Amino acid sequence: MKFLHTCLRVGNLDRSIDFYKNALGFEISRKKDFPEDKFTLCFLKLANSSYELELTYNYGVSSYEKGEAYGHIALSCQNFEKTYERLKNDGYKVTDLYKLSDNSDEFFFITDPDGYDIEIIKAK
């Protein structure tokens, strides 16, 4: 087995693509529209990874209930402090910096336009 992708359903595809590209550095790897089935798929990935984030836009659906089961996805970041300050200064919804009591790596969360949380962890 190999991880391939994670799917997030989004209410505004252009807004979500803009967020993942500009805030987190993702690039579009492929995009396909299915007009007969009324949805569009857009796959994004980071330059140093083959793992993809699939954004699914279903025509006419502007939001989704997240439920209690979704937690977050996580990314590591080399320029952690600089990235945190940039995201905060650019007006993205970010939490304070955290560190667990066991002296784990520092982290924070950023929330995408559809309310999905992404954990950003300081790379070792």
PDB file of N, CA and C in Angstrom:
ATOM      1  N   MET A   1       0.827  -1.188   0.000  1.00  0.00           N
ATOM      2  CA  MET A   1       0.000   0.000   0.000  1.00  0.00           C
ATOM      3  C   MET A   1       0.870   1.249   0.000  1.00  0.00           C
ATOM      4  N   LYS A   2       0.310   2.297  -0.572  1.00  0.00           N
ATOM      5  CA  LYS A   2       0.998   3.583  -0.630  1.00  0.00           C
ATOM      6  C   LYS A   2      -0.057   4.684  -0.525  1.00  0.00           C
ATOM      7  N   PHE A   3       0.197   5.703   0.275  1.00  0.00           N
ATOM      8  CA  PHE A   3      -0.699   6.842   0.330  1.00  0.00           C
ATOM      9  C   PHE A   3      -0.707   7.544  -1.012  1.00  0.00           C
ATOM     10  N   LEU A   4      -1.896   7.869  -1.518  1.00  0.00           N
ATOM     11  CA  LEU A   4      -2.010   8.578  -2.786  1.00  0.00           C
ATOM     12  C   LEU A   4      -2.532   9.994  -2.611  1.00  0.00           C
ATOM     13  N   HIS A   5      -3.707  10.117  -1.988  1.00  0.00           N
ATOM     14  CA  HIS A   5      -4.264  11.450  -1.810  1.00  0.00           C
ATOM     15  C   HIS A   5      -5.294  11.480  -0.686  1.00  0.00           C
ATOM     16  N   THR A   6      -5.616  12.691  -0.277  1.00  0.00           N
ATOM     17  CA  THR A   6      -6.696  12.966   0.660  1.00  0.00           C
ATOM     18  C   THR A   6      -7.668  13.890  -0.046  1.00  0.00           C
ATOM     19  N   CYS A   7      -8.953  13.612   0.078  1.00  0.00           N
ATOM     20  CA  CYS A   7      -9.992  14.414  -0.583  1.00  0.00           C
ATOM     21  C   CYS A   7     -10.656  15.342   0.422  1.00  0.00           C
ATOM     22  N   LEU A   8     -10.775  16.599   0.040  1.00  0.00           N
ATOM     23  CA  LEU A   8     -11.560  17.581   0.785  1.00  0.00           C
ATOM     24  C   LEU A   8     -12.608  18.141  -0.158  1.00  0.00           C
ATOM     25  N   ARG A   9     -13.862  18.157   0.273  1.00  0.00           N
ATOM     26  CA  ARG A   9     -14.931  18.777  -0.525  1.00  0.00           C
ATOM     27  C   ARG A   9     -14.965  20.259  -0.197  1.00  0.00           C
ATOM     28  N   VAL A  10     -14.981  21.080  -1.244  1.00  0.00           N
ATOM     29  CA  VAL A  10     -14.898  22.529  -1.060  1.00  0.00           C
ATOM     30  C   VAL A  10     -16.089  23.227  -1.706  1.00  0.00           C
ATOM     31  N   GLY A  11     -16.446  24.389  -1.153  1.00  0.00           N
ATOM     32  CA  GLY A  11     -17.587  25.144  -1.644  1.00  0.00           C
ATOM     33  C   GLY A  11     -17.263  26.149  -2.728  1.00  0.00           C
ATOM     34  N   ASN A  12     -16.002  26.515  -2.870  1.00  0.00           N
ATOM     35  CA  ASN A  12     -15.569  27.455  -3.903  1.00  0.00           C
ATOM     36  C   ASN A  12     -14.176  27.026  -4.331  1.00  0.00           C
ATOM     37  N   LEU A  13     -14.082  26.382  -5.475  1.00  0.00           N
ATOM     38  CA  LEU A  13     -12.821  25.785  -5.916  1.00  0.00           C
ATOM     39  C   LEU A  13     -11.728  26.824  -6.112  1.00  0.00           C
ATOM     40  N   ASP A  14     -12.027  27.931  -6.764  1.00  0.00           N
ATOM     41  CA  ASP A  14     -11.001  28.952  -7.001  1.00  0.00           C
ATOM     42  C   ASP A  14     -10.452  29.513  -5.696  1.00  0.00           C
ATOM     43  N   ARG A  15     -11.330  29.763  -4.733  1.00  0.00           N
ATOM     44  CA  ARG A  15     -10.909  30.287  -3.431  1.00  0.00           C
ATOM     45  C   ARG A  15      -9.994  29.283  -2.722  1.00  0.00           C
ATOM     46  N   SER A  16     -10.357  28.010  -2.789  1.00  0.00           N
ATOM     47  CA  SER A  16      -9.557  26.976  -2.132  1.00  0.00           C
ATOM     48  C   SER A  16      -8.208  26.791  -2.808  1.00  0.00           C
ATOM     49  N   ILE A  17      -8.183  26.785  -4.135  1.00  0.00           N
ATOM     50  CA  ILE A  17      -6.920  26.680  -4.859  1.00  0.00           C
ATOM     51  C   ILE A  17      -6.015  27.847  -4.489  1.00  0.00           C
ATOM     52  N   ASP A  18      -6.569  29.040  -4.446  1.00  0.00           N
ATOM     53  CA  ASP A  18      -5.802  30.233  -4.085  1.00  0.00           C
ATOM     54  C   ASP A  18      -5.193  30.078  -2.691  1.00  0.00           C
ATOM     55  N   PHE A  19      -5.976  29.603  -1.742  1.00  0.00           N
ATOM     56  CA  PHE A  19      -5.479  29.403  -0.376  1.00  0.00           C
ATOM     57  C   PHE A  19      -4.323  28.410  -0.355  1.00  0.00           C
ATOM     58  N   TYR A  20      -4.512  27.242  -0.923  1.00  0.00           N
ATOM     59  CA  TYR A  20      -3.479  26.210  -0.840  1.00  0.00           C
ATOM     60  C   TYR A  20      -2.216  26.597  -1.610  1.00  0.00           C
ATOM     61  N   LYS A  21      -2.370  27.331  -2.703  1.00  0.00           N
ATOM     62  CA  LYS A  21      -1.194  27.787  -3.450  1.00  0.00           C
ATOM     63  C   LYS A  21      -0.473  28.910  -2.707  1.00  0.00           C
ATOM     64  N   ASN A  22      -1.198  29.947  -2.339  1.00  0.00           N
ATOM     65  CA  ASN A  22      -0.566  31.143  -1.777  1.00  0.00           C
ATOM     66  C   ASN A  22      -0.170  30.999  -0.312  1.00  0.00           C
ATOM     67  N   ALA A  23      -0.996  30.346   0.487  1.00  0.00           N
ATOM     68  CA  ALA A  23      -0.678  30.216   1.904  1.00  0.00           C
ATOM     69  C   ALA A  23       0.333  29.106   2.154  1.00  0.00           C
ATOM     70  N   LEU A  24       0.160  27.969   1.457  1.00  0.00           N
ATOM     71  CA  LEU A  24       0.939  26.783   1.820  1.00  0.00           C
ATOM     72  C   LEU A  24       1.885  26.276   0.732  1.00  0.00           C
ATOM     73  N   GLY A  25       1.890  26.880  -0.445  1.00  0.00           N
ATOM     74  CA  GLY A  25       2.865  26.522  -1.470  1.00  0.00           C
ATOM     75  C   GLY A  25       2.526  25.321  -2.338  1.00  0.00           C
ATOM     76  N   PHE A  26       1.277  24.881  -2.327  1.00  0.00           N
ATOM     77  CA  PHE A  26       0.868  23.781  -3.208  1.00  0.00           C
ATOM     78  C   PHE A  26       0.827  24.251  -4.654  1.00  0.00           C
ATOM     79  N   GLU A  27       0.985  23.326  -5.578  1.00  0.00           N
ATOM     80  CA  GLU A  27       0.834  23.579  -7.008  1.00  0.00           C
ATOM     81  C   GLU A  27      -0.180  22.594  -7.563  1.00  0.00           C
ATOM     82  N   ILE A  28      -0.882  23.014  -8.597  1.00  0.00           N
ATOM     83  CA  ILE A  28      -1.842  22.124  -9.249  1.00  0.00           C
ATOM     84  C   ILE A  28      -1.090  21.052 -10.011  1.00  0.00           C
ATOM     85  N   SER A  29      -1.399  19.801  -9.740  1.00  0.00           N
ATOM     86  CA  SER A  29      -0.781  18.710 -10.502  1.00  0.00           C
ATOM     87  C   SER A  29      -1.697  18.242 -11.629  1.00  0.00           C
ATOM     88  N   ARG A  30      -3.003  18.348 -11.429  1.00  0.00           N
ATOM     89  CA  ARG A  30      -3.973  18.052 -12.493  1.00  0.00           C
ATOM     90  C   ARG A  30      -5.344  18.526 -12.054  1.00  0.00           C
ATOM     91  N   LYS A  31      -6.157  18.838 -13.057  1.00  0.00           N
ATOM     92  CA  LYS A  31      -7.509  19.330 -12.800  1.00  0.00           C
ATOM     93  C   LYS A  31      -8.412  18.782 -13.891  1.00  0.00           C
ATOM     94  N   LYS A  32      -9.578  18.276 -13.506  1.00  0.00           N
ATOM     95  CA  LYS A  32     -10.489  17.679 -14.487  1.00  0.00           C
ATOM     96  C   LYS A  32     -11.912  18.034 -14.111  1.00  0.00           C
ATOM     97  N   ASP A  33     -12.652  18.515 -15.096  1.00  0.00           N
ATOM     98  CA  ASP A  33     -14.051  18.861 -14.930  1.00  0.00           C
ATOM     99  C   ASP A  33     -14.920  17.724 -15.457  1.00  0.00           C
ATOM    100  N   PHE A  34     -15.961  17.387 -14.735  1.00  0.00           N
ATOM    101  CA  PHE A  34     -16.912  16.354 -15.123  1.00  0.00           C
ATOM    102  C   PHE A  34     -18.308  16.972 -15.206  1.00  0.00           C
ATOM    103  N   PRO A  35     -18.592  17.743 -16.270  1.00  0.00           N
ATOM    104  CA  PRO A  35     -19.856  18.476 -16.341  1.00  0.00           C
ATOM    105  C   PRO A  35     -21.100  17.574 -16.329  1.00  0.00           C
ATOM    106  N   GLU A  36     -21.013  16.406 -16.946  1.00  0.00           N
ATOM    107  CA  GLU A  36     -22.176  15.517 -16.943  1.00  0.00           C
ATOM    108  C   GLU A  36     -22.494  15.014 -15.542  1.00  0.00           C
ATOM    109  N   ASP A  37     -21.450  14.831 -14.723  1.00  0.00           N
ATOM    110  CA  ASP A  37     -21.644  14.362 -13.358  1.00  0.00           C
ATOM    111  C   ASP A  37     -21.691  15.510 -12.350  1.00  0.00           C
ATOM    112  N   LYS A  38     -21.480  16.734 -12.846  1.00  0.00           N
ATOM    113  CA  LYS A  38     -21.606  17.962 -12.061  1.00  0.00           C
ATOM    114  C   LYS A  38     -20.586  18.106 -10.930  1.00  0.00           C
ATOM    115  N   PHE A  39     -19.323  17.833 -11.236  1.00  0.00           N
ATOM    116  CA  PHE A  39     -18.271  18.089 -10.263  1.00  0.00           C
ATOM    117  C   PHE A  39     -16.940  18.324 -10.962  1.00  0.00           C
ATOM    118  N   THR A  40     -16.018  18.934 -10.227  1.00  0.00           N
ATOM    119  CA  THR A  40     -14.647  19.179 -10.696  1.00  0.00           C
ATOM    120  C   THR A  40     -13.683  18.664  -9.639  1.00  0.00           C
ATOM    121  N   LEU A  41     -12.617  18.015 -10.109  1.00  0.00           N
ATOM    122  CA  LEU A  41     -11.548  17.550  -9.235  1.00  0.00           C
ATOM    123  C   LEU A  41     -10.291  18.357  -9.528  1.00  0.00           C
ATOM    124  N   CYS A  42      -9.618  18.777  -8.491  1.00  0.00           N
ATOM    125  CA  CYS A  42      -8.345  19.466  -8.644  1.00  0.00           C
ATOM    126  C   CYS A  42      -7.363  18.841  -7.660  1.00  0.00           C
ATOM    127  N   PHE A  43      -6.268  18.308  -8.189  1.00  0.00           N
ATOM    128  CA  PHE A  43      -5.242  17.685  -7.364  1.00  0.00           C
ATOM    129  C   PHE A  43      -4.087  18.653  -7.192  1.00  0.00           C
ATOM    130  N   LEU A  44      -3.665  18.834  -5.946  1.00  0.00           N
ATOM    131  CA  LEU A  44      -2.569  19.731  -5.603  1.00  0.00           C
ATOM    132  C   LEU A  44      -1.478  18.927  -4.919  1.00  0.00           C
ATOM    133  N   LYS A  45      -0.236  19.356  -5.087  1.00  0.00           N
ATOM    134  CA  LYS A  45       0.832  18.715  -4.329  1.00  0.00           C
ATOM    135  C   LYS A  45       1.950  19.702  -4.052  1.00  0.00           C
ATOM    136  N   LEU A  46       2.748  19.339  -3.088  1.00  0.00           N
ATOM    137  CA  LEU A  46       3.915  20.128  -2.724  1.00  0.00           C
ATOM    138  C   LEU A  46       5.106  19.666  -3.556  1.00  0.00           C
ATOM    139  N   ALA A  47       6.055  20.535  -3.779  1.00  0.00           N
ATOM    140  CA  ALA A  47       7.189  20.242  -4.657  1.00  0.00           C
ATOM    141  C   ALA A  47       7.996  19.033  -4.200  1.00  0.00           C
ATOM    142  N   ASN A  48       8.069  18.786  -2.905  1.00  0.00           N
ATOM    143  CA  ASN A  48       8.921  17.715  -2.391  1.00  0.00           C
ATOM    144  C   ASN A  48       8.158  16.437  -2.060  1.00  0.00           C
ATOM    145  N   SER A  49       6.959  16.262  -2.625  1.00  0.00           N
ATOM    146  CA  SER A  49       6.127  15.113  -2.266  1.00  0.00           C
ATOM    147  C   SER A  49       5.282  14.646  -3.445  1.00  0.00           C
ATOM    148  N   SER A  50       5.056  13.342  -3.516  1.00  0.00           N
ATOM    149  CA  SER A  50       4.159  12.814  -4.540  1.00  0.00           C
ATOM    150  C   SER A  50       2.726  12.690  -4.024  1.00  0.00           C
ATOM    151  N   TYR A  51       2.539  12.834  -2.714  1.00  0.00           N
ATOM    152  CA  TYR A  51       1.223  12.761  -2.094  1.00  0.00           C
ATOM    153  C   TYR A  51       0.398  13.971  -2.531  1.00  0.00           C
ATOM    154  N   GLU A  52      -0.870  13.737  -2.856  1.00  0.00           N
ATOM    155  CA  GLU A  52      -1.706  14.816  -3.369  1.00  0.00           C
ATOM    156  C   GLU A  52      -2.872  15.141  -2.437  1.00  0.00           C
ATOM    157  N   LEU A  53      -3.302  16.381  -2.518  1.00  0.00           N
ATOM    158  CA  LEU A  53      -4.516  16.835  -1.876  1.00  0.00           C
ATOM    159  C   LEU A  53      -5.546  17.010  -2.984  1.00  0.00           C
ATOM    160  N   GLU A  54      -6.635  16.284  -2.902  1.00  0.00           N
ATOM    161  CA  GLU A  54      -7.698  16.366  -3.907  1.00  0.00           C
ATOM    162  C   GLU A  54      -8.782  17.304  -3.396  1.00  0.00           C
ATOM    163  N   LEU A  55      -9.029  18.369  -4.135  1.00  0.00           N
ATOM    164  CA  LEU A  55     -10.143  19.256  -3.833  1.00  0.00           C
ATOM    165  C   LEU A  55     -11.286  18.878  -4.766  1.00  0.00           C
ATOM    166  N   THR A  56     -12.438  18.571  -4.195  1.00  0.00           N
ATOM    167  CA  THR A  56     -13.616  18.206  -4.980  1.00  0.00           C
ATOM    168  C   THR A  56     -14.653  19.299  -4.844  1.00  0.00           C
ATOM    169  N   TYR A  57     -15.058  19.849  -5.984  1.00  0.00           N
ATOM    170  CA  TYR A  57     -16.128  20.848  -6.001  1.00  0.00           C
ATOM    171  C   TYR A  57     -17.334  20.231  -6.694  1.00  0.00           C
ATOM    172  N   ASN A  58     -18.422  20.095  -5.949  1.00  0.00           N
ATOM    173  CA  ASN A  58     -19.690  19.623  -6.505  1.00  0.00           C
ATOM    174  C   ASN A  58     -20.521  20.842  -6.861  1.00  0.00           C
ATOM    175  N   TYR A  59     -20.926  20.935  -8.119  1.00  0.00           N
ATOM    176  CA  TYR A  59     -21.662  22.107  -8.611  1.00  0.00           C
ATOM    177  C   TYR A  59     -22.820  22.458  -7.684  1.00  0.00           C
ATOM    178  N   GLY A  60     -22.910  23.727  -7.351  1.00  0.00           N
ATOM    179  CA  GLY A  60     -24.042  24.225  -6.584  1.00  0.00           C
ATOM    180  C   GLY A  60     -23.972  24.006  -5.081  1.00  0.00           C
ATOM    181  N   VAL A  61     -22.914  23.378  -4.589  1.00  0.00           N
ATOM    182  CA  VAL A  61     -22.780  23.152  -3.151  1.00  0.00           C
ATOM    183  C   VAL A  61     -21.757  24.146  -2.608  1.00  0.00           C
ATOM    184  N   SER A  62     -22.201  25.033  -1.723  1.00  0.00           N
ATOM    185  CA  SER A  62     -21.304  26.086  -1.255  1.00  0.00           C
ATOM    186  C   SER A  62     -20.657  25.797   0.101  1.00  0.00           C
ATOM    187  N   SER A  63     -21.132  24.779   0.819  1.00  0.00           N
ATOM    188  CA  SER A  63     -20.505  24.440   2.098  1.00  0.00           C
ATOM    189  C   SER A  63     -20.898  23.030   2.522  1.00  0.00           C
ATOM    190  N   TYR A  64     -20.130  22.495   3.455  1.00  0.00           N
ATOM    191  CA  TYR A  64     -20.343  21.143   3.964  1.00  0.00           C
ATOM    192  C   TYR A  64     -20.264  21.153   5.479  1.00  0.00           C
ATOM    193  N   GLU A  65     -20.985  20.251   6.116  1.00  0.00           N
ATOM    194  CA  GLU A  65     -20.862  20.017   7.557  1.00  0.00           C
ATOM    195  C   GLU A  65     -19.610  19.179   7.778  1.00  0.00           C
ATOM    196  N   LYS A  66     -18.739  19.596   8.682  1.00  0.00           N
ATOM    197  CA  LYS A  66     -17.494  18.860   8.932  1.00  0.00           C
ATOM    198  C   LYS A  66     -17.712  17.657   9.831  1.00  0.00           C
ATOM    199  N   GLY A  67     -18.701  17.727  10.726  1.00  0.00           N
ATOM    200  CA  GLY A  67     -18.911  16.631  11.653  1.00  0.00           C
ATOM    201  C   GLY A  67     -17.833  16.593  12.721  1.00  0.00           C
ATOM    202  N   GLU A  68     -17.922  15.624  13.582  1.00  0.00           N
ATOM    203  CA  GLU A  68     -16.977  15.505  14.684  1.00  0.00           C
ATOM    204  C   GLU A  68     -15.797  14.612  14.356  1.00  0.00           C
ATOM    205  N   ALA A  69     -15.854  13.888  13.255  1.00  0.00           N
ATOM    206  CA  ALA A  69     -14.812  12.908  12.952  1.00  0.00           C
ATOM    207  C   ALA A  69     -13.562  13.537  12.347  1.00  0.00           C
ATOM    208  N   TYR A  70     -13.703  14.583  11.547  1.00  0.00           N
ATOM    209  CA  TYR A  70     -12.533  15.201  10.921  1.00  0.00           C
ATOM    210  C   TYR A  70     -11.679  15.861  11.983  1.00  0.00           C
ATOM    211  N   GLY A  71     -10.387  15.610  11.934  1.00  0.00           N
ATOM    212  CA  GLY A  71      -9.457  16.258  12.851  1.00  0.00           C
ATOM    213  C   GLY A  71      -8.650  17.309  12.122  1.00  0.00           C
ATOM    214  N   HIS A  72      -7.642  16.874  11.363  1.00  0.00           N
ATOM    215  CA  HIS A  72      -6.791  17.793  10.616  1.00  0.00           C
ATOM    216  C   HIS A  72      -5.865  16.987   9.711  1.00  0.00           C
ATOM    217  N   ILE A  73      -5.234  17.696   8.786  1.00  0.00           N
ATOM    218  CA  ILE A  73      -4.096  17.150   8.062  1.00  0.00           C
ATOM    219  C   ILE A  73      -2.874  17.898   8.585  1.00  0.00           C
ATOM    220  N   ALA A  74      -1.694  17.332   8.405  1.00  0.00           N
ATOM    221  CA  ALA A  74      -0.490  17.951   8.966  1.00  0.00           C
ATOM    222  C   ALA A  74       0.603  18.074   7.919  1.00  0.00           C
ATOM    223  N   LEU A  75       1.343  19.177   7.998  1.00  0.00           N
ATOM    224  CA  LEU A  75       2.489  19.448   7.131  1.00  0.00           C
ATOM    225  C   LEU A  75       3.663  19.848   8.013  1.00  0.00           C
ATOM    226  N   SER A  76       4.861  19.481   7.595  1.00  0.00           N
ATOM    227  CA  SER A  76       6.038  19.986   8.291  1.00  0.00           C
ATOM    228  C   SER A  76       6.570  21.192   7.534  1.00  0.00           C
ATOM    229  N   CYS A  77       7.292  22.039   8.238  1.00  0.00           N
ATOM    230  CA  CYS A  77       7.742  23.297   7.641  1.00  0.00           C
ATOM    231  C   CYS A  77       9.165  23.603   8.094  1.00  0.00           C
ATOM    232  N   GLN A  78      10.074  23.840   7.145  1.00  0.00           N
ATOM    233  CA  GLN A  78      11.466  24.172   7.438  1.00  0.00           C
ATOM    234  C   GLN A  78      11.609  25.588   8.014  1.00  0.00           C
ATOM    235  N   ASN A  79      10.987  26.561   7.388  1.00  0.00           N
ATOM    236  CA  ASN A  79      11.080  27.967   7.828  1.00  0.00           C
ATOM    237  C   ASN A  79       9.887  28.300   8.708  1.00  0.00           C
ATOM    238  N   PHE A  80       9.786  27.602   9.805  1.00  0.00           N
ATOM    239  CA  PHE A  80       8.601  27.599  10.645  1.00  0.00           C
ATOM    240  C   PHE A  80       8.204  28.994  11.148  1.00  0.00           C
ATOM    241  N   GLU A  81       9.096  29.687  11.841  1.00  0.00           N
ATOM    242  CA  GLU A  81       8.773  30.984  12.431  1.00  0.00           C
ATOM    243  C   GLU A  81       8.444  32.018  11.348  1.00  0.00           C
ATOM    244  N   LYS A  82       9.243  32.018  10.287  1.00  0.00           N
ATOM    245  CA  LYS A  82       9.017  32.957   9.185  1.00  0.00           C
ATOM    246  C   LYS A  82       7.668  32.686   8.512  1.00  0.00           C
ATOM    247  N   THR A  83       7.354  31.415   8.302  1.00  0.00           N
ATOM    248  CA  THR A  83       6.070  31.045   7.689  1.00  0.00           C
ATOM    249  C   THR A  83       4.914  31.444   8.590  1.00  0.00           C
ATOM    250  N   TYR A  84       5.055  31.204   9.885  1.00  0.00           N
ATOM    251  CA  TYR A  84       4.009  31.572  10.835  1.00  0.00           C
ATOM    252  C   TYR A  84       3.742  33.081  10.779  1.00  0.00           C
ATOM    253  N   GLU A  85       4.776  33.868  10.831  1.00  0.00           N
ATOM    254  CA  GLU A  85       4.620  35.333  10.798  1.00  0.00           C
ATOM    255  C   GLU A  85       3.995  35.788   9.486  1.00  0.00           C
ATOM    256  N   ARG A  86       4.427  35.199   8.360  1.00  0.00           N
ATOM    257  CA  ARG A  86       3.852  35.561   7.057  1.00  0.00           C
ATOM    258  C   ARG A  86       2.360  35.265   7.016  1.00  0.00           C
ATOM    259  N   LEU A  87       1.978  34.071   7.434  1.00  0.00           N
ATOM    260  CA  LEU A  87       0.561  33.688   7.403  1.00  0.00           C
ATOM    261  C   LEU A  87      -0.274  34.582   8.312  1.00  0.00           C
ATOM    262  N   LYS A  88       0.250  34.869   9.474  1.00  0.00           N
ATOM    263  CA  LYS A  88      -0.442  35.739  10.425  1.00  0.00           C
ATOM    264  C   LYS A  88      -0.589  37.153   9.853  1.00  0.00           C
ATOM    265  N   ASN A  89       0.510  37.695   9.316  1.00  0.00           N
ATOM    266  CA  ASN A  89       0.489  39.045   8.746  1.00  0.00           C
ATOM    267  C   ASN A  89      -0.381  39.144   7.503  1.00  0.00           C
ATOM    268  N   ASP A  90      -0.511  38.057   6.760  1.00  0.00           N
ATOM    269  CA  ASP A  90      -1.352  38.050   5.557  1.00  0.00           C
ATOM    270  C   ASP A  90      -2.833  37.875   5.886  1.00  0.00           C
ATOM    271  N   GLY A  91      -3.160  37.735   7.165  1.00  0.00           N
ATOM    272  CA  GLY A  91      -4.555  37.694   7.582  1.00  0.00           C
ATOM    273  C   GLY A  91      -5.206  36.321   7.579  1.00  0.00           C
ATOM    274  N   TYR A  92      -4.406  35.266   7.446  1.00  0.00           N
ATOM    275  CA  TYR A  92      -4.977  33.930   7.511  1.00  0.00           C
ATOM    276  C   TYR A  92      -5.342  33.610   8.953  1.00  0.00           C
ATOM    277  N   LYS A  93      -6.318  32.720   9.118  1.00  0.00           N
ATOM    278  CA  LYS A  93      -6.759  32.316  10.453  1.00  0.00           C
ATOM    279  C   LYS A  93      -5.773  31.284  11.001  1.00  0.00           C
ATOM    280  N   VAL A  94      -4.881  31.732  11.891  1.00  0.00           N
ATOM    281  CA  VAL A  94      -3.879  30.862  12.508  1.00  0.00           C
ATOM    282  C   VAL A  94      -4.021  30.921  14.026  1.00  0.00           C
ATOM    283  N   THR A  95      -3.654  29.827  14.673  1.00  0.00           N
ATOM    284  CA  THR A  95      -3.667  29.783  16.130  1.00  0.00           C
ATOM    285  C   THR A  95      -2.354  30.344  16.661  1.00  0.00           C
ATOM    286  N   ASP A  96      -2.244  30.385  17.955  1.00  0.00           N
ATOM    287  CA  ASP A  96      -0.965  30.680  18.588  1.00  0.00           C
ATOM    288  C   ASP A  96      -0.027  29.511  18.335  1.00  0.00           C
ATOM    289  N   LEU A  97       1.244  29.704  18.637  1.00  0.00           N
ATOM    290  CA  LEU A  97       2.219  28.617  18.574  1.00  0.00           C
ATOM    291  C   LEU A  97       2.048  27.741  19.806  1.00  0.00           C
ATOM    292  N   TYR A  98       2.138  26.427  19.622  1.00  0.00           N
ATOM    293  CA  TYR A  98       1.965  25.474  20.720  1.00  0.00           C
ATOM    294  C   TYR A  98       3.128  24.504  20.787  1.00  0.00           C
ATOM    295  N   LYS A  99       3.278  23.947  21.975  1.00  0.00           N
ATOM    296  CA  LYS A  99       4.216  22.866  22.220  1.00  0.00           C
ATOM    297  C   LYS A  99       3.583  22.006  23.304  1.00  0.00           C
ATOM    298  N   LEU A 100       3.521  20.698  23.100  1.00  0.00           N
ATOM    299  CA  LEU A 100       2.921  19.822  24.089  1.00  0.00           C
ATOM    300  C   LEU A 100       3.836  19.659  25.295  1.00  0.00           C
ATOM    301  N   SER A 101       3.291  19.196  26.381  1.00  0.00           N
ATOM    302  CA  SER A 101       4.041  19.100  27.631  1.00  0.00           C
ATOM    303  C   SER A 101       5.221  18.146  27.569  1.00  0.00           C
ATOM    304  N   ASP A 102       5.243  17.247  26.582  1.00  0.00           N
ATOM    305  CA  ASP A 102       6.375  16.313  26.481  1.00  0.00           C
ATOM    306  C   ASP A 102       7.528  16.899  25.661  1.00  0.00           C
ATOM    307  N   ASN A 103       7.502  18.224  25.470  1.00  0.00           N
ATOM    308  CA  ASN A 103       8.517  18.928  24.680  1.00  0.00           C
ATOM    309  C   ASN A 103       8.569  18.475  23.224  1.00  0.00           C
ATOM    310  N   SER A 104       7.421  18.148  22.686  1.00  0.00           N
ATOM    311  CA  SER A 104       7.340  17.792  21.268  1.00  0.00           C
ATOM    312  C   SER A 104       7.654  19.012  20.410  1.00  0.00           C
ATOM    313  N   ASP A 105       7.684  18.798  19.109  1.00  0.00           N
ATOM    314  CA  ASP A 105       7.972  19.901  18.193  1.00  0.00           C
ATOM    315  C   ASP A 105       6.890  20.968  18.277  1.00  0.00           C
ATOM    316  N   GLU A 106       7.287  22.190  18.001  1.00  0.00           N
ATOM    317  CA  GLU A 106       6.362  23.316  18.004  1.00  0.00           C
ATOM    318  C   GLU A 106       5.418  23.200  16.811  1.00  0.00           C
ATOM    319  N   PHE A 107       4.191  23.698  16.975  1.00  0.00           N
ATOM    320  CA  PHE A 107       3.203  23.626  15.906  1.00  0.00           C
ATOM    321  C   PHE A 107       2.163  24.726  16.056  1.00  0.00           C
ATOM    322  N   PHE A 108       1.401  24.931  14.987  1.00  0.00           N
ATOM    323  CA  PHE A 108       0.229  25.803  15.002  1.00  0.00           C
ATOM    324  C   PHE A 108      -0.760  25.255  13.986  1.00  0.00           C
ATOM    325  N   PHE A 109      -1.963  25.774  14.030  1.00  0.00           N
ATOM    326  CA  PHE A 109      -2.983  25.383  13.067  1.00  0.00           C
ATOM    327  C   PHE A 109      -3.376  26.586  12.221  1.00  0.00           C
ATOM    328  N   ILE A 110      -3.673  26.309  10.964  1.00  0.00           N
ATOM    329  CA  ILE A 110      -4.250  27.294  10.058  1.00  0.00           C
ATOM    330  C   ILE A 110      -5.550  26.680   9.549  1.00  0.00           C
ATOM    331  N   THR A 111      -6.553  27.516   9.336  1.00  0.00           N
ATOM    332  CA  THR A 111      -7.853  27.041   8.872  1.00  0.00           C
ATOM    333  C   THR A 111      -8.064  27.498   7.437  1.00  0.00           C
ATOM    334  N   ASP A 112      -8.439  26.550   6.564  1.00  0.00           N
ATOM    335  CA  ASP A 112      -8.663  26.892   5.154  1.00  0.00           C
ATOM    336  C   ASP A 112     -10.037  27.543   4.989  1.00  0.00           C
ATOM    337  N   PRO A 113     -10.373  28.044   3.790  1.00  0.00           N
ATOM    338  CA  PRO A 113     -11.635  28.763   3.594  1.00  0.00           C
ATOM    339  C   PRO A 113     -12.896  27.941   3.873  1.00  0.00           C
ATOM    340  N   ASP A 114     -12.792  26.622   3.857  1.00  0.00           N
ATOM    341  CA  ASP A 114     -13.952  25.771   4.118  1.00  0.00           C
ATOM    342  C   ASP A 114     -13.996  25.275   5.554  1.00  0.00           C
ATOM    343  N   GLY A 115     -13.074  25.741   6.388  1.00  0.00           N
ATOM    344  CA  GLY A 115     -13.079  25.373   7.794  1.00  0.00           C
ATOM    345  C   GLY A 115     -12.252  24.145   8.147  1.00  0.00           C
ATOM    346  N   TYR A 116     -11.484  23.622   7.189  1.00  0.00           N
ATOM    347  CA  TYR A 116     -10.622  22.478   7.479  1.00  0.00           C
ATOM    348  C   TYR A 116      -9.357  22.973   8.184  1.00  0.00           C
ATOM    349  N   ASP A 117      -8.988  22.302   9.265  1.00  0.00           N
ATOM    350  CA  ASP A 117      -7.779  22.663   9.995  1.00  0.00           C
ATOM    351  C   ASP A 117      -6.574  21.926   9.418  1.00  0.00           C
ATOM    352  N   ILE A 118      -5.463  22.644   9.341  1.00  0.00           N
ATOM    353  CA  ILE A 118      -4.192  22.090   8.877  1.00  0.00           C
ATOM    354  C   ILE A 118      -3.168  22.398   9.961  1.00  0.00           C
ATOM    355  N   GLU A 119      -2.508  21.367  10.446  1.00  0.00           N
ATOM    356  CA  GLU A 119      -1.470  21.544  11.449  1.00  0.00           C
ATOM    357  C   GLU A 119      -0.130  21.752  10.742  1.00  0.00           C
ATOM    358  N   ILE A 120       0.577  22.778  11.141  1.00  0.00           N
ATOM    359  CA  ILE A 120       1.908  23.058  10.605  1.00  0.00           C
ATOM    360  C   ILE A 120       2.900  22.782  11.740  1.00  0.00           C
ATOM    361  N   ILE A 121       3.793  21.818  11.504  1.00  0.00           N
ATOM    362  CA  ILE A 121       4.738  21.373  12.526  1.00  0.00           C
ATOM    363  C   ILE A 121       6.142  21.805  12.148  1.00  0.00           C
ATOM    364  N   LYS A 122       6.870  22.315  13.113  1.00  0.00           N
ATOM    365  CA  LYS A 122       8.254  22.742  12.874  1.00  0.00           C
ATOM    366  C   LYS A 122       9.099  21.528  12.488  1.00  0.00           C
ATOM    367  N   ALA A 123       9.713  21.597  11.316  1.00  0.00           N
ATOM    368  CA  ALA A 123      10.555  20.485  10.833  1.00  0.00           C
ATOM    369  C   ALA A 123      11.816  20.401  11.666  1.00  0.00           C
ATOM    370  N   LYS A 124      12.301  19.182  11.827  1.00  0.00           N
ATOM    371  CA  LYS A 124      13.534  18.966  12.594  1.00  0.00           C
ATOM    372  C   LYS A 124      14.739  19.248  11.740  1.00  0.00           C
TER     373      LYS A 124
END
